Amino acid sequence: MMDITPEKLKSEMEKESPMVIVDLQEARLYQHNHIPGAINIPMDGFQAEYPALLKDKDLPTVVTGEFDELGKGSKAGEILEAAGYTKVGHIVGGLMAWRNAGYPTESGVES
């Protein structure tokens, strides 16, 4: 699994590179604040939900939690890699690092 800085993710997003960003926060936290375009698969249901939502195992997939202090991004990434996903990364420092870098977030979007 690749560690991805907020700066690297922002650069890839600006290139409009095909990718999926997975926000692992609880739904209520996701509704409040997440990276633009991120889909929500809360960690507590991740194992059961990701197969239906992440169908392309070769599409770059970036996972993030709010702070990632509990290692949610790493754990979700390990699950994806074990299932055969080939391009998995997680944001170092999570959503908090993204916000601290001054990048935009959005709210109120359904997954």
N, C-alpha and C. Protein backbone atom coordinates (compact mmCIF):
# COMPACT_ATOMS: atom_id res chain seq x y z
N MET A 1 0.85 -1.17 0.00
CA MET A 1 0.00 0.00 0.00
C MET A 1 0.89 1.23 0.00
N MET A 2 0.47 2.21 -0.76
CA MET A 2 1.24 3.43 -0.89
C MET A 2 0.75 4.50 0.08
N ASP A 3 1.69 5.17 0.72
CA ASP A 3 1.34 6.36 1.51
C ASP A 3 1.21 7.52 0.53
N ILE A 4 0.12 8.26 0.64
CA ILE A 4 -0.12 9.38 -0.25
C ILE A 4 -0.27 10.65 0.58
N THR A 5 0.47 11.67 0.23
CA THR A 5 0.33 12.95 0.92
C THR A 5 -0.89 13.68 0.36
N PRO A 6 -1.43 14.60 1.13
CA PRO A 6 -2.52 15.40 0.59
C PRO A 6 -2.12 16.14 -0.70
N GLU A 7 -0.88 16.59 -0.76
CA GLU A 7 -0.40 17.30 -1.95
C GLU A 7 -0.42 16.41 -3.18
N LYS A 8 0.02 15.17 -3.02
CA LYS A 8 0.03 14.22 -4.15
C LYS A 8 -1.41 13.92 -4.60
N LEU A 9 -2.30 13.71 -3.64
CA LEU A 9 -3.69 13.44 -4.01
C LEU A 9 -4.29 14.63 -4.74
N LYS A 10 -4.07 15.82 -4.24
CA LYS A 10 -4.59 17.03 -4.89
C LYS A 10 -4.07 17.14 -6.31
N SER A 11 -2.79 16.86 -6.51
CA SER A 11 -2.19 16.90 -7.84
C SER A 11 -2.87 15.90 -8.78
N GLU A 12 -3.10 14.70 -8.30
CA GLU A 12 -3.77 13.69 -9.12
C GLU A 12 -5.21 14.08 -9.43
N MET A 13 -5.88 14.67 -8.47
CA MET A 13 -7.25 15.13 -8.70
C MET A 13 -7.30 16.23 -9.75
N GLU A 14 -6.33 17.13 -9.72
CA GLU A 14 -6.28 18.22 -10.70
C GLU A 14 -6.01 17.70 -12.11
N LYS A 15 -5.30 16.59 -12.22
CA LYS A 15 -5.05 15.95 -13.53
C LYS A 15 -6.29 15.20 -14.01
N GLU A 16 -7.28 15.11 -13.12
CA GLU A 16 -8.49 14.34 -13.38
C GLU A 16 -8.16 12.88 -13.68
N SER A 17 -7.15 12.38 -12.97
CA SER A 17 -6.78 10.97 -13.09
C SER A 17 -7.92 10.11 -12.55
N PRO A 18 -8.27 9.04 -13.27
CA PRO A 18 -9.32 8.16 -12.75
C PRO A 18 -8.88 7.53 -11.43
N MET A 19 -9.74 7.64 -10.43
CA MET A 19 -9.45 7.06 -9.12
C MET A 19 -10.73 7.09 -8.31
N VAL A 20 -10.71 6.37 -7.22
CA VAL A 20 -11.81 6.45 -6.27
C VAL A 20 -11.21 6.77 -4.91
N ILE A 21 -11.86 7.70 -4.21
CA ILE A 21 -11.44 8.07 -2.86
C ILE A 21 -12.52 7.53 -1.93
N VAL A 22 -12.10 6.76 -0.94
CA VAL A 22 -13.03 6.15 0.00
C VAL A 22 -12.84 6.78 1.37
N ASP A 23 -13.90 7.39 1.86
CA ASP A 23 -13.91 7.99 3.19
C ASP A 23 -14.46 6.97 4.17
N LEU A 24 -13.70 6.64 5.20
CA LEU A 24 -14.06 5.59 6.15
C LEU A 24 -14.78 6.09 7.39
N GLN A 25 -15.09 7.38 7.43
CA GLN A 25 -15.76 7.95 8.59
C GLN A 25 -17.19 7.40 8.74
N GLU A 26 -17.72 7.51 9.95
CA GLU A 26 -19.13 7.21 10.16
C GLU A 26 -19.94 8.14 9.25
N ALA A 27 -21.12 7.71 8.83
CA ALA A 27 -21.94 8.46 7.88
C ALA A 27 -22.20 9.90 8.34
N ARG A 28 -22.47 10.08 9.62
CA ARG A 28 -22.78 11.44 10.10
C ARG A 28 -21.57 12.37 9.98
N LEU A 29 -20.37 11.84 10.18
CA LEU A 29 -19.16 12.65 10.04
C LEU A 29 -18.87 12.92 8.56
N TYR A 30 -19.08 11.92 7.74
CA TYR A 30 -18.91 12.09 6.29
C TYR A 30 -19.84 13.19 5.78
N GLN A 31 -21.09 13.17 6.21
CA GLN A 31 -22.06 14.18 5.79
C GLN A 31 -21.58 15.58 6.15
N HIS A 32 -20.87 15.69 7.25
CA HIS A 32 -20.40 16.99 7.71
C HIS A 32 -19.20 17.50 6.92
N ASN A 33 -18.30 16.57 6.54
CA ASN A 33 -17.03 17.03 5.95
C ASN A 33 -16.28 15.88 5.31
N HIS A 34 -15.97 16.00 4.00
CA HIS A 34 -15.18 14.98 3.31
C HIS A 34 -14.50 15.58 2.08
N ILE A 35 -13.56 14.86 1.55
CA ILE A 35 -12.85 15.28 0.33
C ILE A 35 -13.84 15.25 -0.83
N PRO A 36 -13.85 16.28 -1.66
CA PRO A 36 -14.78 16.31 -2.79
C PRO A 36 -14.68 15.04 -3.64
N GLY A 37 -15.84 14.47 -3.92
CA GLY A 37 -15.91 13.28 -4.75
C GLY A 37 -15.72 11.97 -4.02
N ALA A 38 -15.37 12.02 -2.75
CA ALA A 38 -15.16 10.78 -1.99
C ALA A 38 -16.48 10.06 -1.76
N ILE A 39 -16.41 8.73 -1.81
CA ILE A 39 -17.57 7.93 -1.45
C ILE A 39 -17.41 7.49 0.00
N ASN A 40 -18.52 7.22 0.64
CA ASN A 40 -18.48 6.85 2.06
C ASN A 40 -18.73 5.37 2.23
N ILE A 41 -17.74 4.69 2.80
CA ILE A 41 -17.90 3.31 3.23
C ILE A 41 -17.35 3.28 4.66
N PRO A 42 -18.23 3.45 5.66
CA PRO A 42 -17.75 3.47 7.04
C PRO A 42 -16.98 2.20 7.39
N MET A 43 -15.96 2.36 8.18
CA MET A 43 -15.09 1.24 8.53
C MET A 43 -15.85 0.11 9.21
N ASP A 44 -16.87 0.45 10.02
CA ASP A 44 -17.59 -0.61 10.73
C ASP A 44 -18.36 -1.54 9.80
N GLY A 45 -18.62 -1.13 8.57
CA GLY A 45 -19.28 -2.00 7.60
C GLY A 45 -18.46 -2.23 6.35
N PHE A 46 -17.20 -1.84 6.40
CA PHE A 46 -16.34 -1.86 5.22
C PHE A 46 -16.27 -3.24 4.57
N GLN A 47 -15.98 -4.24 5.35
CA GLN A 47 -15.79 -5.59 4.84
C GLN A 47 -16.99 -6.06 4.02
N ALA A 48 -18.19 -5.75 4.47
CA ALA A 48 -19.40 -6.19 3.79
C ALA A 48 -19.76 -5.30 2.60
N GLU A 49 -19.43 -4.02 2.66
CA GLU A 49 -19.90 -3.07 1.65
C GLU A 49 -18.96 -2.83 0.47
N TYR A 50 -17.65 -2.93 0.67
CA TYR A 50 -16.75 -2.52 -0.41
C TYR A 50 -16.91 -3.32 -1.70
N PRO A 51 -17.21 -4.64 -1.67
CA PRO A 51 -17.28 -5.36 -2.95
C PRO A 51 -18.33 -4.80 -3.92
N ALA A 52 -19.44 -4.31 -3.39
CA ALA A 52 -20.49 -3.77 -4.25
C ALA A 52 -20.15 -2.39 -4.80
N LEU A 53 -19.31 -1.65 -4.07
CA LEU A 53 -19.02 -0.27 -4.45
C LEU A 53 -17.68 -0.10 -5.17
N LEU A 54 -16.76 -1.00 -4.96
CA LEU A 54 -15.43 -0.91 -5.57
C LEU A 54 -15.22 -2.10 -6.50
N LYS A 55 -15.77 -1.99 -7.68
CA LYS A 55 -15.78 -3.13 -8.60
C LYS A 55 -14.49 -3.30 -9.40
N ASP A 56 -13.79 -2.19 -9.71
CA ASP A 56 -12.59 -2.25 -10.54
C ASP A 56 -11.35 -2.38 -9.65
N LYS A 57 -10.79 -3.58 -9.62
CA LYS A 57 -9.64 -3.83 -8.76
C LYS A 57 -8.35 -3.19 -9.25
N ASP A 58 -8.34 -2.68 -10.49
CA ASP A 58 -7.15 -2.03 -11.03
C ASP A 58 -7.24 -0.50 -10.99
N LEU A 59 -8.37 0.03 -10.57
CA LEU A 59 -8.53 1.48 -10.47
C LEU A 59 -7.83 1.97 -9.19
N PRO A 60 -7.01 3.01 -9.30
CA PRO A 60 -6.39 3.52 -8.07
C PRO A 60 -7.45 3.85 -7.04
N THR A 61 -7.24 3.34 -5.83
CA THR A 61 -8.20 3.49 -4.74
C THR A 61 -7.46 4.07 -3.54
N VAL A 62 -7.93 5.23 -3.08
CA VAL A 62 -7.31 5.92 -1.94
C VAL A 62 -8.29 5.89 -0.78
N VAL A 63 -7.84 5.41 0.36
CA VAL A 63 -8.69 5.33 1.54
C VAL A 63 -8.22 6.32 2.60
N THR A 64 -9.19 6.85 3.35
CA THR A 64 -8.84 7.80 4.39
C THR A 64 -9.87 7.80 5.51
N GLY A 65 -9.38 8.01 6.70
CA GLY A 65 -10.23 8.26 7.86
C GLY A 65 -10.12 9.73 8.21
N GLU A 66 -10.72 10.12 9.32
CA GLU A 66 -10.66 11.53 9.69
C GLU A 66 -9.24 11.96 10.06
N PHE A 67 -8.62 11.23 10.97
CA PHE A 67 -7.24 11.52 11.37
C PHE A 67 -6.32 10.38 11.01
N ASP A 68 -6.88 9.21 10.91
CA ASP A 68 -6.19 7.95 10.70
C ASP A 68 -5.28 7.58 11.87
N GLU A 69 -5.58 8.16 13.04
CA GLU A 69 -4.79 7.80 14.22
C GLU A 69 -5.06 6.38 14.67
N LEU A 70 -6.19 5.82 14.30
CA LEU A 70 -6.51 4.45 14.66
C LEU A 70 -6.12 3.46 13.55
N GLY A 71 -5.53 3.98 12.49
CA GLY A 71 -5.08 3.11 11.41
C GLY A 71 -6.18 2.57 10.52
N LYS A 72 -7.34 3.26 10.49
CA LYS A 72 -8.44 2.79 9.66
C LYS A 72 -8.05 2.70 8.19
N GLY A 73 -7.35 3.72 7.70
CA GLY A 73 -6.93 3.71 6.30
C GLY A 73 -6.02 2.54 5.99
N SER A 74 -5.09 2.29 6.89
CA SER A 74 -4.18 1.16 6.69
C SER A 74 -4.93 -0.16 6.71
N LYS A 75 -5.84 -0.32 7.66
CA LYS A 75 -6.61 -1.56 7.77
C LYS A 75 -7.47 -1.77 6.52
N ALA A 76 -8.18 -0.73 6.08
CA ALA A 76 -9.01 -0.85 4.87
C ALA A 76 -8.14 -1.17 3.66
N GLY A 77 -6.99 -0.52 3.58
CA GLY A 77 -6.07 -0.79 2.47
C GLY A 77 -5.59 -2.23 2.46
N GLU A 78 -5.29 -2.76 3.64
CA GLU A 78 -4.86 -4.16 3.74
C GLU A 78 -5.98 -5.10 3.30
N ILE A 79 -7.20 -4.79 3.66
CA ILE A 79 -8.35 -5.62 3.23
C ILE A 79 -8.45 -5.61 1.71
N LEU A 80 -8.32 -4.43 1.11
CA LEU A 80 -8.42 -4.33 -0.35
C LEU A 80 -7.27 -5.07 -1.03
N GLU A 81 -6.07 -4.89 -0.54
CA GLU A 81 -4.93 -5.58 -1.15
C GLU A 81 -5.09 -7.10 -1.04
N ALA A 82 -5.56 -7.59 0.09
CA ALA A 82 -5.77 -9.03 0.26
C ALA A 82 -6.83 -9.56 -0.70
N ALA A 83 -7.75 -8.67 -1.11
CA ALA A 83 -8.81 -9.06 -2.03
C ALA A 83 -8.39 -8.90 -3.50
N GLY A 84 -7.15 -8.47 -3.74
CA GLY A 84 -6.64 -8.39 -5.10
C GLY A 84 -6.65 -7.02 -5.74
N TYR A 85 -6.94 -5.98 -4.98
CA TYR A 85 -6.88 -4.61 -5.52
C TYR A 85 -5.40 -4.27 -5.70
N THR A 86 -5.07 -3.71 -6.86
CA THR A 86 -3.67 -3.57 -7.23
C THR A 86 -3.06 -2.19 -6.97
N LYS A 87 -3.88 -1.16 -6.83
CA LYS A 87 -3.36 0.21 -6.68
C LYS A 87 -4.03 0.89 -5.50
N VAL A 88 -3.61 0.51 -4.32
CA VAL A 88 -4.23 1.01 -3.10
C VAL A 88 -3.28 1.96 -2.38
N GLY A 89 -3.84 3.08 -1.93
CA GLY A 89 -3.05 4.02 -1.14
C GLY A 89 -3.90 4.57 -0.01
N HIS A 90 -3.24 5.17 0.95
CA HIS A 90 -3.99 5.84 2.01
C HIS A 90 -3.33 7.19 2.28
N ILE A 91 -4.16 8.14 2.67
CA ILE A 91 -3.69 9.50 2.90
C ILE A 91 -3.02 9.58 4.27
N VAL A 92 -1.78 9.96 4.26
CA VAL A 92 -1.03 10.13 5.50
C VAL A 92 -1.68 11.28 6.29
N GLY A 93 -2.15 10.99 7.50
CA GLY A 93 -2.78 12.00 8.33
C GLY A 93 -4.26 12.17 8.09
N GLY A 94 -4.80 11.44 7.11
CA GLY A 94 -6.24 11.44 6.87
C GLY A 94 -6.82 12.77 6.44
N LEU A 95 -8.12 12.89 6.65
CA LEU A 95 -8.86 14.09 6.26
C LEU A 95 -8.32 15.32 6.97
N MET A 96 -7.87 15.17 8.20
CA MET A 96 -7.33 16.31 8.95
C MET A 96 -6.11 16.88 8.23
N ALA A 97 -5.24 16.03 7.72
CA ALA A 97 -4.06 16.51 6.98
C ALA A 97 -4.49 17.22 5.70
N TRP A 98 -5.51 16.70 5.04
CA TRP A 98 -6.06 17.31 3.82
C TRP A 98 -6.54 18.74 4.15
N ARG A 99 -7.32 18.87 5.22
CA ARG A 99 -7.83 20.19 5.60
C ARG A 99 -6.70 21.12 6.05
N ASN A 100 -5.75 20.58 6.80
CA ASN A 100 -4.62 21.40 7.26
C ASN A 100 -3.77 21.91 6.12
N ALA A 101 -3.78 21.20 4.99
CA ALA A 101 -3.04 21.65 3.81
C ALA A 101 -3.81 22.75 3.07
N GLY A 102 -5.03 23.04 3.54
CA GLY A 102 -5.81 24.12 2.93
C GLY A 102 -6.66 23.69 1.74
N TYR A 103 -6.85 22.38 1.57
CA TYR A 103 -7.63 21.90 0.43
C TYR A 103 -9.11 21.85 0.77
N PRO A 104 -9.95 21.96 -0.26
CA PRO A 104 -11.38 22.05 -0.02
C PRO A 104 -12.01 20.74 0.44
N THR A 105 -13.11 20.88 1.16
CA THR A 105 -13.94 19.75 1.53
C THR A 105 -15.37 20.08 1.11
N GLU A 106 -16.21 19.08 1.14
CA GLU A 106 -17.62 19.32 0.86
C GLU A 106 -18.44 18.61 1.91
N SER A 107 -19.72 18.91 1.95
CA SER A 107 -20.59 18.30 2.94
C SER A 107 -21.97 18.07 2.34
N GLY A 108 -22.74 17.21 3.01
CA GLY A 108 -24.11 16.99 2.62
C GLY A 108 -24.33 16.14 1.40
N VAL A 109 -23.31 15.47 0.91
CA VAL A 109 -23.44 14.65 -0.30
C VAL A 109 -23.70 13.22 0.09
N GLU A 110 -24.73 12.62 -0.49
CA GLU A 110 -25.03 11.21 -0.23
C GLU A 110 -24.04 10.34 -0.99
N SER A 111 -23.70 9.19 -0.42
CA SER A 111 -22.82 8.25 -1.13
C SER A 111 -23.64 7.32 -1.97
